[in-house]
Amino acid sequence: MEKQLKVITSSKSDSQEQKSISPEERLRHFRNIMGSMLQDAQNTWGDIWNEFQGQVVGNVLVDPEASKGFNPRCGWPEFLEKMWILKHYLDHAKRLSD
């Protein structure tokens, strides 16, 4: 079944001007977005790092027991999802900053 698309025009008349955003306001919005995104990336990294604590590393040193292998406490699917989310945040941060 095909759907018909309807073109909707702006409710403002052509004579009305749209408000432009000042460079300072654009920078403030950009900083807020980047700050939020990078905080989420740091939180995700913290979750990933916590998975290594006690099993692989003790503070900053790799424990000898790590040679037995690593199994995340949250399970592999959730661990890999956290890794993917971290990559997602970093990709978006790079794209926004370019």
PDB file of N, CA and C in Angstrom:
ATOM      1  N   MET A   1       0.836  -1.162   0.000  1.00  0.00           N
ATOM      2  CA  MET A   1       0.000   0.000   0.000  1.00  0.00           C
ATOM      3  C   MET A   1       0.893   1.242   0.000  1.00  0.00           C
ATOM      4  N   GLU A   2       0.684   2.110  -0.964  1.00  0.00           N
ATOM      5  CA  GLU A   2       1.475   3.331  -1.060  1.00  0.00           C
ATOM      6  C   GLU A   2       0.861   4.415  -0.204  1.00  0.00           C
ATOM      7  N   LYS A   3       1.724   5.251   0.364  1.00  0.00           N
ATOM      8  CA  LYS A   3       1.263   6.376   1.172  1.00  0.00           C
ATOM      9  C   LYS A   3       1.527   7.658   0.408  1.00  0.00           C
ATOM     10  N   GLN A   4       0.622   8.563   0.507  1.00  0.00           N
ATOM     11  CA  GLN A   4       0.783   9.871  -0.107  1.00  0.00           C
ATOM     12  C   GLN A   4       1.467  10.792   0.889  1.00  0.00           C
ATOM     13  N   LEU A   5       2.496  11.507   0.437  1.00  0.00           N
ATOM     14  CA  LEU A   5       3.169  12.471   1.281  1.00  0.00           C
ATOM     15  C   LEU A   5       2.588  13.845   1.035  1.00  0.00           C
ATOM     16  N   LYS A   6       2.406  14.580   2.097  1.00  0.00           N
ATOM     17  CA  LYS A   6       1.855  15.925   1.999  1.00  0.00           C
ATOM     18  C   LYS A   6       2.950  16.913   2.382  1.00  0.00           C
ATOM     19  N   VAL A   7       3.146  17.927   1.556  1.00  0.00           N
ATOM     20  CA  VAL A   7       4.141  18.953   1.834  1.00  0.00           C
ATOM     21  C   VAL A   7       3.520  19.970   2.780  1.00  0.00           C
ATOM     22  N   ILE A   8       4.212  20.214   3.890  1.00  0.00           N
ATOM     23  CA  ILE A   8       3.733  21.176   4.876  1.00  0.00           C
ATOM     24  C   ILE A   8       4.684  22.354   4.862  1.00  0.00           C
ATOM     25  N   THR A   9       4.146  23.524   4.715  1.00  0.00           N
ATOM     26  CA  THR A   9       4.973  24.726   4.688  1.00  0.00           C
ATOM     27  C   THR A   9       5.042  25.325   6.086  1.00  0.00           C
ATOM     28  N   SER A  10       6.003  26.196   6.268  1.00  0.00           N
ATOM     29  CA  SER A  10       6.200  26.852   7.548  1.00  0.00           C
ATOM     30  C   SER A  10       5.006  27.726   7.881  1.00  0.00           C
ATOM     31  N   SER A  11       4.699  27.837   9.150  1.00  0.00           N
ATOM     32  CA  SER A  11       3.582  28.678   9.568  1.00  0.00           C
ATOM     33  C   SER A  11       3.943  30.152   9.520  1.00  0.00           C
ATOM     34  N   LYS A  12       5.248  30.448   9.452  1.00  0.00           N
ATOM     35  CA  LYS A  12       5.685  31.836   9.367  1.00  0.00           C
ATOM     36  C   LYS A  12       5.592  32.306   7.921  1.00  0.00           C
ATOM     37  N   SER A  13       5.244  33.543   7.770  1.00  0.00           N
ATOM     38  CA  SER A  13       5.207  34.090   6.419  1.00  0.00           C
ATOM     39  C   SER A  13       6.631  34.404   5.973  1.00  0.00           C
ATOM     40  N   ASP A  14       6.797  34.577   4.686  1.00  0.00           N
ATOM     41  CA  ASP A  14       8.133  34.832   4.149  1.00  0.00           C
ATOM     42  C   ASP A  14       8.717  36.141   4.654  1.00  0.00           C
ATOM     43  N   SER A  15       7.863  37.066   5.055  1.00  0.00           N
ATOM     44  CA  SER A  15       8.356  38.362   5.514  1.00  0.00           C
ATOM     45  C   SER A  15       8.954  38.280   6.921  1.00  0.00           C
ATOM     46  N   GLN A  16       8.589  37.266   7.673  1.00  0.00           N
ATOM     47  CA  GLN A  16       9.146  37.131   9.019  1.00  0.00           C
ATOM     48  C   GLN A  16      10.545  36.533   8.936  1.00  0.00           C
ATOM     49  N   GLU A  17      11.457  37.109   9.686  1.00  0.00           N
ATOM     50  CA  GLU A  17      12.822  36.614   9.681  1.00  0.00           C
ATOM     51  C   GLU A  17      13.003  35.573  10.770  1.00  0.00           C
ATOM     52  N   GLN A  18      13.813  34.605  10.465  1.00  0.00           N
ATOM     53  CA  GLN A  18      14.139  33.612  11.470  1.00  0.00           C
ATOM     54  C   GLN A  18      15.311  34.125  12.296  1.00  0.00           C
ATOM     55  N   LYS A  19      15.262  33.832  13.582  1.00  0.00           N
ATOM     56  CA  LYS A  19      16.312  34.288  14.481  1.00  0.00           C
ATOM     57  C   LYS A  19      17.582  33.484  14.218  1.00  0.00           C
ATOM     58  N   SER A  20      18.688  34.176  14.001  1.00  0.00           N
ATOM     59  CA  SER A  20      19.959  33.482  13.824  1.00  0.00           C
ATOM     60  C   SER A  20      20.648  33.386  15.190  1.00  0.00           C
ATOM     61  N   ILE A  21      21.387  32.319  15.349  1.00  0.00           N
ATOM     62  CA  ILE A  21      22.062  32.071  16.614  1.00  0.00           C
ATOM     63  C   ILE A  21      23.426  32.741  16.572  1.00  0.00           C
ATOM     64  N   SER A  22      23.766  33.433  17.648  1.00  0.00           N
ATOM     65  CA  SER A  22      25.057  34.112  17.712  1.00  0.00           C
ATOM     66  C   SER A  22      26.177  33.076  17.845  1.00  0.00           C
ATOM     67  N   PRO A  23      27.386  33.449  17.441  1.00  0.00           N
ATOM     68  CA  PRO A  23      28.509  32.513  17.575  1.00  0.00           C
ATOM     69  C   PRO A  23      28.742  32.071  19.029  1.00  0.00           C
ATOM     70  N   GLU A  24      28.530  32.966  19.975  1.00  0.00           N
ATOM     71  CA  GLU A  24      28.708  32.615  21.389  1.00  0.00           C
ATOM     72  C   GLU A  24      27.690  31.563  21.820  1.00  0.00           C
ATOM     73  N   GLU A  25      26.445  31.710  21.341  1.00  0.00           N
ATOM     74  CA  GLU A  25      25.403  30.750  21.696  1.00  0.00           C
ATOM     75  C   GLU A  25      25.669  29.393  21.035  1.00  0.00           C
ATOM     76  N   ARG A  26      26.147  29.423  19.788  1.00  0.00           N
ATOM     77  CA  ARG A  26      26.497  28.174  19.108  1.00  0.00           C
ATOM     78  C   ARG A  26      27.626  27.452  19.846  1.00  0.00           C
ATOM     79  N   LEU A  27      28.619  28.203  20.297  1.00  0.00           N
ATOM     80  CA  LEU A  27      29.732  27.615  21.036  1.00  0.00           C
ATOM     81  C   LEU A  27      29.244  27.027  22.360  1.00  0.00           C
ATOM     82  N   ARG A  28      28.339  27.713  23.043  1.00  0.00           N
ATOM     83  CA  ARG A  28      27.802  27.216  24.300  1.00  0.00           C
ATOM     84  C   ARG A  28      27.056  25.899  24.076  1.00  0.00           C
ATOM     85  N   HIS A  29      26.235  25.843  23.023  1.00  0.00           N
ATOM     86  CA  HIS A  29      25.522  24.599  22.696  1.00  0.00           C
ATOM     87  C   HIS A  29      26.505  23.473  22.364  1.00  0.00           C
ATOM     88  N   PHE A  30      27.522  23.803  21.563  1.00  0.00           N
ATOM     89  CA  PHE A  30      28.528  22.816  21.193  1.00  0.00           C
ATOM     90  C   PHE A  30      29.240  22.279  22.429  1.00  0.00           C
ATOM     91  N   ARG A  31      29.630  23.172  23.335  1.00  0.00           N
ATOM     92  CA  ARG A  31      30.323  22.745  24.556  1.00  0.00           C
ATOM     93  C   ARG A  31      29.421  21.876  25.416  1.00  0.00           C
ATOM     94  N   ASN A  32      28.132  22.206  25.505  1.00  0.00           N
ATOM     95  CA  ASN A  32      27.204  21.391  26.295  1.00  0.00           C
ATOM     96  C   ASN A  32      27.047  19.992  25.701  1.00  0.00           C
ATOM     97  N   ILE A  33      26.908  19.928  24.385  1.00  0.00           N
ATOM     98  CA  ILE A  33      26.757  18.626  23.722  1.00  0.00           C
ATOM     99  C   ILE A  33      28.022  17.798  23.887  1.00  0.00           C
ATOM    100  N   MET A  34      29.175  18.407  23.631  1.00  0.00           N
ATOM    101  CA  MET A  34      30.431  17.671  23.755  1.00  0.00           C
ATOM    102  C   MET A  34      30.684  17.256  25.203  1.00  0.00           C
ATOM    103  N   GLY A  35      30.380  18.129  26.141  1.00  0.00           N
ATOM    104  CA  GLY A  35      30.574  17.793  27.546  1.00  0.00           C
ATOM    105  C   GLY A  35      29.729  16.602  27.963  1.00  0.00           C
ATOM    106  N   SER A  36      28.483  16.594  27.538  1.00  0.00           N
ATOM    107  CA  SER A  36      27.587  15.488  27.872  1.00  0.00           C
ATOM    108  C   SER A  36      28.050  14.194  27.217  1.00  0.00           C
ATOM    109  N   MET A  37      28.416  14.282  25.947  1.00  0.00           N
ATOM    110  CA  MET A  37      28.847  13.088  25.219  1.00  0.00           C
ATOM    111  C   MET A  37      30.141  12.525  25.798  1.00  0.00           C
ATOM    112  N   LEU A  38      31.093  13.388  26.111  1.00  0.00           N
ATOM    113  CA  LEU A  38      32.360  12.907  26.649  1.00  0.00           C
ATOM    114  C   LEU A  38      32.204  12.381  28.075  1.00  0.00           C
ATOM    115  N   GLN A  39      31.272  12.950  28.846  1.00  0.00           N
ATOM    116  CA  GLN A  39      31.010  12.405  30.181  1.00  0.00           C
ATOM    117  C   GLN A  39      30.429  10.992  30.075  1.00  0.00           C
ATOM    118  N   ASP A  40      29.520  10.791  29.122  1.00  0.00           N
ATOM    119  CA  ASP A  40      28.972   9.451  28.893  1.00  0.00           C
ATOM    120  C   ASP A  40      30.071   8.478  28.465  1.00  0.00           C
ATOM    121  N   ALA A  41      31.009   8.955  27.626  1.00  0.00           N
ATOM    122  CA  ALA A  41      32.118   8.103  27.196  1.00  0.00           C
ATOM    123  C   ALA A  41      33.002   7.742  28.391  1.00  0.00           C
ATOM    124  N   GLN A  42      33.266   8.706  29.265  1.00  0.00           N
ATOM    125  CA  GLN A  42      34.076   8.419  30.445  1.00  0.00           C
ATOM    126  C   GLN A  42      33.370   7.442  31.377  1.00  0.00           C
ATOM    127  N   ASN A  43      32.061   7.587  31.531  1.00  0.00           N
ATOM    128  CA  ASN A  43      31.304   6.658  32.375  1.00  0.00           C
ATOM    129  C   ASN A  43      31.353   5.242  31.799  1.00  0.00           C
ATOM    130  N   THR A  44      31.240   5.130  30.480  1.00  0.00           N
ATOM    131  CA  THR A  44      31.307   3.824  29.831  1.00  0.00           C
ATOM    132  C   THR A  44      32.695   3.219  29.996  1.00  0.00           C
ATOM    133  N   TRP A  45      33.739   4.046  29.819  1.00  0.00           N
ATOM    134  CA  TRP A  45      35.099   3.558  30.032  1.00  0.00           C
ATOM    135  C   TRP A  45      35.271   3.083  31.474  1.00  0.00           C
ATOM    136  N   GLY A  46      34.708   3.811  32.437  1.00  0.00           N
ATOM    137  CA  GLY A  46      34.782   3.409  33.835  1.00  0.00           C
ATOM    138  C   GLY A  46      34.130   2.057  34.073  1.00  0.00           C
ATOM    139  N   ASP A  47      32.989   1.813  33.422  1.00  0.00           N
ATOM    140  CA  ASP A  47      32.333   0.506  33.534  1.00  0.00           C
ATOM    141  C   ASP A  47      33.227  -0.602  32.992  1.00  0.00           C
ATOM    142  N   ILE A  48      33.862  -0.338  31.847  1.00  0.00           N
ATOM    143  CA  ILE A  48      34.756  -1.333  31.241  1.00  0.00           C
ATOM    144  C   ILE A  48      35.957  -1.578  32.146  1.00  0.00           C
ATOM    145  N   TRP A  49      36.547  -0.515  32.677  1.00  0.00           N
ATOM    146  CA  TRP A  49      37.713  -0.645  33.545  1.00  0.00           C
ATOM    147  C   TRP A  49      37.371  -1.418  34.814  1.00  0.00           C
ATOM    148  N   ASN A  50      36.179  -1.194  35.355  1.00  0.00           N
ATOM    149  CA  ASN A  50      35.759  -1.914  36.560  1.00  0.00           C
ATOM    150  C   ASN A  50      35.657  -3.420  36.315  1.00  0.00           C
ATOM    151  N   GLU A  51      35.363  -3.815  35.089  1.00  0.00           N
ATOM    152  CA  GLU A  51      35.320  -5.244  34.772  1.00  0.00           C
ATOM    153  C   GLU A  51      36.691  -5.890  34.916  1.00  0.00           C
ATOM    154  N   PHE A  52      37.763  -5.126  34.669  1.00  0.00           N
ATOM    155  CA  PHE A  52      39.123  -5.659  34.774  1.00  0.00           C
ATOM    156  C   PHE A  52      39.628  -5.696  36.214  1.00  0.00           C
ATOM    157  N   GLN A  53      39.051  -4.872  37.082  1.00  0.00           N
ATOM    158  CA  GLN A  53      39.535  -4.787  38.458  1.00  0.00           C
ATOM    159  C   GLN A  53      39.342  -6.112  39.189  1.00  0.00           C
ATOM    160  N   GLY A  54      40.405  -6.574  39.828  1.00  0.00           N
ATOM    161  CA  GLY A  54      40.341  -7.795  40.606  1.00  0.00           C
ATOM    162  C   GLY A  54      40.555  -9.054  39.790  1.00  0.00           C
ATOM    163  N   GLN A  55      40.202  -9.049  38.517  1.00  0.00           N
ATOM    164  CA  GLN A  55      40.389 -10.234  37.676  1.00  0.00           C
ATOM    165  C   GLN A  55      41.658 -10.137  36.845  1.00  0.00           C
ATOM    166  N   VAL A  56      41.920  -8.964  36.324  1.00  0.00           N
ATOM    167  CA  VAL A  56      43.067  -8.783  35.432  1.00  0.00           C
ATOM    168  C   VAL A  56      44.104  -7.873  36.073  1.00  0.00           C
ATOM    169  N   VAL A  57      43.647  -6.782  36.658  1.00  0.00           N
ATOM    170  CA  VAL A  57      44.577  -5.811  37.218  1.00  0.00           C
ATOM    171  C   VAL A  57      44.275  -5.566  38.691  1.00  0.00           C
ATOM    172  N   GLY A  58      45.333  -5.251  39.420  1.00  0.00           N
ATOM    173  CA  GLY A  58      45.210  -4.766  40.778  1.00  0.00           C
ATOM    174  C   GLY A  58      45.759  -3.354  40.766  1.00  0.00           C
ATOM    175  N   ASN A  59      44.894  -2.384  40.784  1.00  0.00           N
ATOM    176  CA  ASN A  59      45.231  -0.968  40.585  1.00  0.00           C
ATOM    177  C   ASN A  59      45.762  -0.773  39.168  1.00  0.00           C
ATOM    178  N   VAL A  60      47.086  -0.804  38.984  1.00  0.00           N
ATOM    179  CA  VAL A  60      47.629  -0.582  37.639  1.00  0.00           C
ATOM    180  C   VAL A  60      48.509  -1.729  37.160  1.00  0.00           C
ATOM    181  N   LEU A  61      48.723  -2.742  37.984  1.00  0.00           N
ATOM    182  CA  LEU A  61      49.583  -3.868  37.604  1.00  0.00           C
ATOM    183  C   LEU A  61      48.738  -5.053  37.162  1.00  0.00           C
ATOM    184  N   VAL A  62      49.209  -5.748  36.157  1.00  0.00           N
ATOM    185  CA  VAL A  62      48.515  -6.948  35.686  1.00  0.00           C
ATOM    186  C   VAL A  62      48.854  -8.104  36.627  1.00  0.00           C
ATOM    187  N   ASP A  63      47.821  -8.737  37.159  1.00  0.00           N
ATOM    188  CA  ASP A  63      48.005  -9.856  38.078  1.00  0.00           C
ATOM    189  C   ASP A  63      48.469 -11.103  37.320  1.00  0.00           C
ATOM    190  N   PRO A  64      49.285 -11.950  37.958  1.00  0.00           N
ATOM    191  CA  PRO A  64      49.718 -13.193  37.305  1.00  0.00           C
ATOM    192  C   PRO A  64      48.547 -14.108  36.955  1.00  0.00           C
ATOM    193  N   GLU A  65      47.459 -14.045  37.716  1.00  0.00           N
ATOM    194  CA  GLU A  65      46.289 -14.879  37.442  1.00  0.00           C
ATOM    195  C   GLU A  65      45.600 -14.509  36.130  1.00  0.00           C
ATOM    196  N   ALA A  66      45.944 -13.342  35.575  1.00  0.00           N
ATOM    197  CA  ALA A  66      45.324 -12.901  34.321  1.00  0.00           C
ATOM    198  C   ALA A  66      45.680 -13.825  33.165  1.00  0.00           C
ATOM    199  N   SER A  67      46.763 -14.583  33.303  1.00  0.00           N
ATOM    200  CA  SER A  67      47.153 -15.495  32.220  1.00  0.00           C
ATOM    201  C   SER A  67      46.150 -16.636  32.053  1.00  0.00           C
ATOM    202  N   LYS A  68      45.298 -16.842  33.054  1.00  0.00           N
ATOM    203  CA  LYS A  68      44.270 -17.884  32.968  1.00  0.00           C
ATOM    204  C   LYS A  68      43.126 -17.483  32.039  1.00  0.00           C
ATOM    205  N   GLY A  69      43.053 -16.219  31.708  1.00  0.00           N
ATOM    206  CA  GLY A  69      41.992 -15.745  30.822  1.00  0.00           C
ATOM    207  C   GLY A  69      41.088 -14.753  31.527  1.00  0.00           C
ATOM    208  N   PHE A  70      40.298 -14.074  30.761  1.00  0.00           N
ATOM    209  CA  PHE A  70      39.417 -13.034  31.286  1.00  0.00           C
ATOM    210  C   PHE A  70      37.982 -13.354  30.906  1.00  0.00           C
ATOM    211  N   ASN A  71      37.110 -13.320  31.883  1.00  0.00           N
ATOM    212  CA  ASN A  71      35.673 -13.433  31.663  1.00  0.00           C
ATOM    213  C   ASN A  71      35.003 -12.298  32.418  1.00  0.00           C
ATOM    214  N   PRO A  72      34.389 -11.381  31.709  1.00  0.00           N
ATOM    215  CA  PRO A  72      33.766 -10.249  32.399  1.00  0.00           C
ATOM    216  C   PRO A  72      32.621 -10.703  33.302  1.00  0.00           C
ATOM    217  N   ARG A  73      32.496 -10.031  34.447  1.00  0.00           N
ATOM    218  CA  ARG A  73      31.422 -10.364  35.389  1.00  0.00           C
ATOM    219  C   ARG A  73      30.050 -10.121  34.783  1.00  0.00           C
ATOM    220  N   CYS A  74      29.945  -9.106  33.916  1.00  0.00           N
ATOM    221  CA  CYS A  74      28.649  -8.775  33.320  1.00  0.00           C
ATOM    222  C   CYS A  74      28.301  -9.702  32.157  1.00  0.00           C
ATOM    223  N   GLY A  75      29.253 -10.511  31.704  1.00  0.00           N
ATOM    224  CA  GLY A  75      29.043 -11.395  30.555  1.00  0.00           C
ATOM    225  C   GLY A  75      29.579 -10.746  29.284  1.00  0.00           C
ATOM    226  N   TRP A  76      29.941 -11.584  28.333  1.00  0.00           N
ATOM    227  CA  TRP A  76      30.544 -11.083  27.095  1.00  0.00           C
ATOM    228  C   TRP A  76      29.618 -10.194  26.270  1.00  0.00           C
ATOM    229  N   PRO A  77      28.325 -10.523  26.118  1.00  0.00           N
ATOM    230  CA  PRO A  77      27.485  -9.644  25.307  1.00  0.00           C
ATOM    231  C   PRO A  77      27.419  -8.215  25.842  1.00  0.00           C
ATOM    232  N   GLU A  78      27.236  -8.065  27.148  1.00  0.00           N
ATOM    233  CA  GLU A  78      27.151  -6.722  27.728  1.00  0.00           C
ATOM    234  C   GLU A  78      28.503  -6.018  27.669  1.00  0.00           C
ATOM    235  N   PHE A  79      29.581  -6.752  27.897  1.00  0.00           N
ATOM    236  CA  PHE A  79      30.917  -6.164  27.831  1.00  0.00           C
ATOM    237  C   PHE A  79      31.209  -5.635  26.432  1.00  0.00           C
ATOM    238  N   LEU A  80      30.910  -6.445  25.420  1.00  0.00           N
ATOM    239  CA  LEU A  80      31.148  -6.007  24.041  1.00  0.00           C
ATOM    240  C   LEU A  80      30.229  -4.852  23.654  1.00  0.00           C
ATOM    241  N   GLU A  81      29.020  -4.813  24.202  1.00  0.00           N
ATOM    242  CA  GLU A  81      28.121  -3.690  23.951  1.00  0.00           C
ATOM    243  C   GLU A  81      28.704  -2.402  24.538  1.00  0.00           C
ATOM    244  N   LYS A  82      29.295  -2.495  25.724  1.00  0.00           N
ATOM    245  CA  LYS A  82      29.932  -1.322  26.324  1.00  0.00           C
ATOM    246  C   LYS A  82      31.091  -0.842  25.462  1.00  0.00           C
ATOM    247  N   MET A  83      31.866  -1.780  24.915  1.00  0.00           N
ATOM    248  CA  MET A  83      32.960  -1.398  24.021  1.00  0.00           C
ATOM    249  C   MET A  83      32.424  -0.690  22.772  1.00  0.00           C
ATOM    250  N   TRP A  84      31.326  -1.207  22.222  1.00  0.00           N
ATOM    251  CA  TRP A  84      30.722  -0.610  21.036  1.00  0.00           C
ATOM    252  C   TRP A  84      30.184   0.786  21.352  1.00  0.00           C
ATOM    253  N   ILE A  85      29.570   0.951  22.510  1.00  0.00           N
ATOM    254  CA  ILE A  85      29.029   2.256  22.912  1.00  0.00           C
ATOM    255  C   ILE A  85      30.155   3.271  23.068  1.00  0.00           C
ATOM    256  N   LEU A  86      31.266   2.844  23.657  1.00  0.00           N
ATOM    257  CA  LEU A  86      32.412   3.744  23.803  1.00  0.00           C
ATOM    258  C   LEU A  86      32.906   4.199  22.438  1.00  0.00           C
ATOM    259  N   LYS A  87      33.008   3.276  21.485  1.00  0.00           N
ATOM    260  CA  LYS A  87      33.414   3.639  20.122  1.00  0.00           C
ATOM    261  C   LYS A  87      32.423   4.616  19.513  1.00  0.00           C
ATOM    262  N   HIS A  88      31.135   4.400  19.744  1.00  0.00           N
ATOM    263  CA  HIS A  88      30.075   5.268  19.240  1.00  0.00           C
ATOM    264  C   HIS A  88      30.257   6.694  19.764  1.00  0.00           C
ATOM    265  N   TYR A  89      30.481   6.840  21.067  1.00  0.00           N
ATOM    266  CA  TYR A  89      30.681   8.173  21.649  1.00  0.00           C
ATOM    267  C   TYR A  89      31.917   8.849  21.064  1.00  0.00           C
ATOM    268  N   LEU A  90      33.002   8.109  20.920  1.00  0.00           N
ATOM    269  CA  LEU A  90      34.227   8.692  20.387  1.00  0.00           C
ATOM    270  C   LEU A  90      34.075   9.079  18.916  1.00  0.00           C
ATOM    271  N   ASP A  91      33.382   8.258  18.141  1.00  0.00           N
ATOM    272  CA  ASP A  91      33.134   8.600  16.732  1.00  0.00           C
ATOM    273  C   ASP A  91      32.329   9.888  16.610  1.00  0.00           C
ATOM    274  N   HIS A  92      31.281  10.006  17.413  1.00  0.00           N
ATOM    275  CA  HIS A  92      30.450  11.217  17.352  1.00  0.00           C
ATOM    276  C   HIS A  92      31.222  12.442  17.826  1.00  0.00           C
ATOM    277  N   ALA A  93      32.025  12.293  18.855  1.00  0.00           N
ATOM    278  CA  ALA A  93      32.821  13.432  19.337  1.00  0.00           C
ATOM    279  C   ALA A  93      33.797  13.888  18.255  1.00  0.00           C
ATOM    280  N   LYS A  94      34.422  12.937  17.576  1.00  0.00           N
ATOM    281  CA  LYS A  94      35.347  13.311  16.510  1.00  0.00           C
ATOM    282  C   LYS A  94      34.610  13.986  15.360  1.00  0.00           C
ATOM    283  N   ARG A  95      33.456  13.430  14.982  1.00  0.00           N
ATOM    284  CA  ARG A  95      32.677  14.008  13.876  1.00  0.00           C
ATOM    285  C   ARG A  95      32.224  15.430  14.206  1.00  0.00           C
ATOM    286  N   LEU A  96      31.806  15.665  15.443  1.00  0.00           N
ATOM    287  CA  LEU A  96      31.367  17.009  15.824  1.00  0.00           C
ATOM    288  C   LEU A  96      32.517  18.002  15.880  1.00  0.00           C
ATOM    289  N   SER A  97      33.693  17.526  16.267  1.00  0.00           N
ATOM    290  CA  SER A  97      34.813  18.444  16.403  1.00  0.00           C
ATOM    291  C   SER A  97      35.524  18.727  15.073  1.00  0.00           C
ATOM    292  N   ASP A  98      35.262  17.926  14.054  1.00  0.00           N
ATOM    293  CA  ASP A  98      35.875  18.181  12.730  1.00  0.00           C
ATOM    294  C   ASP A  98      35.192  19.322  12.006  1.00  0.00           C
TER     295      ASP A  98
END
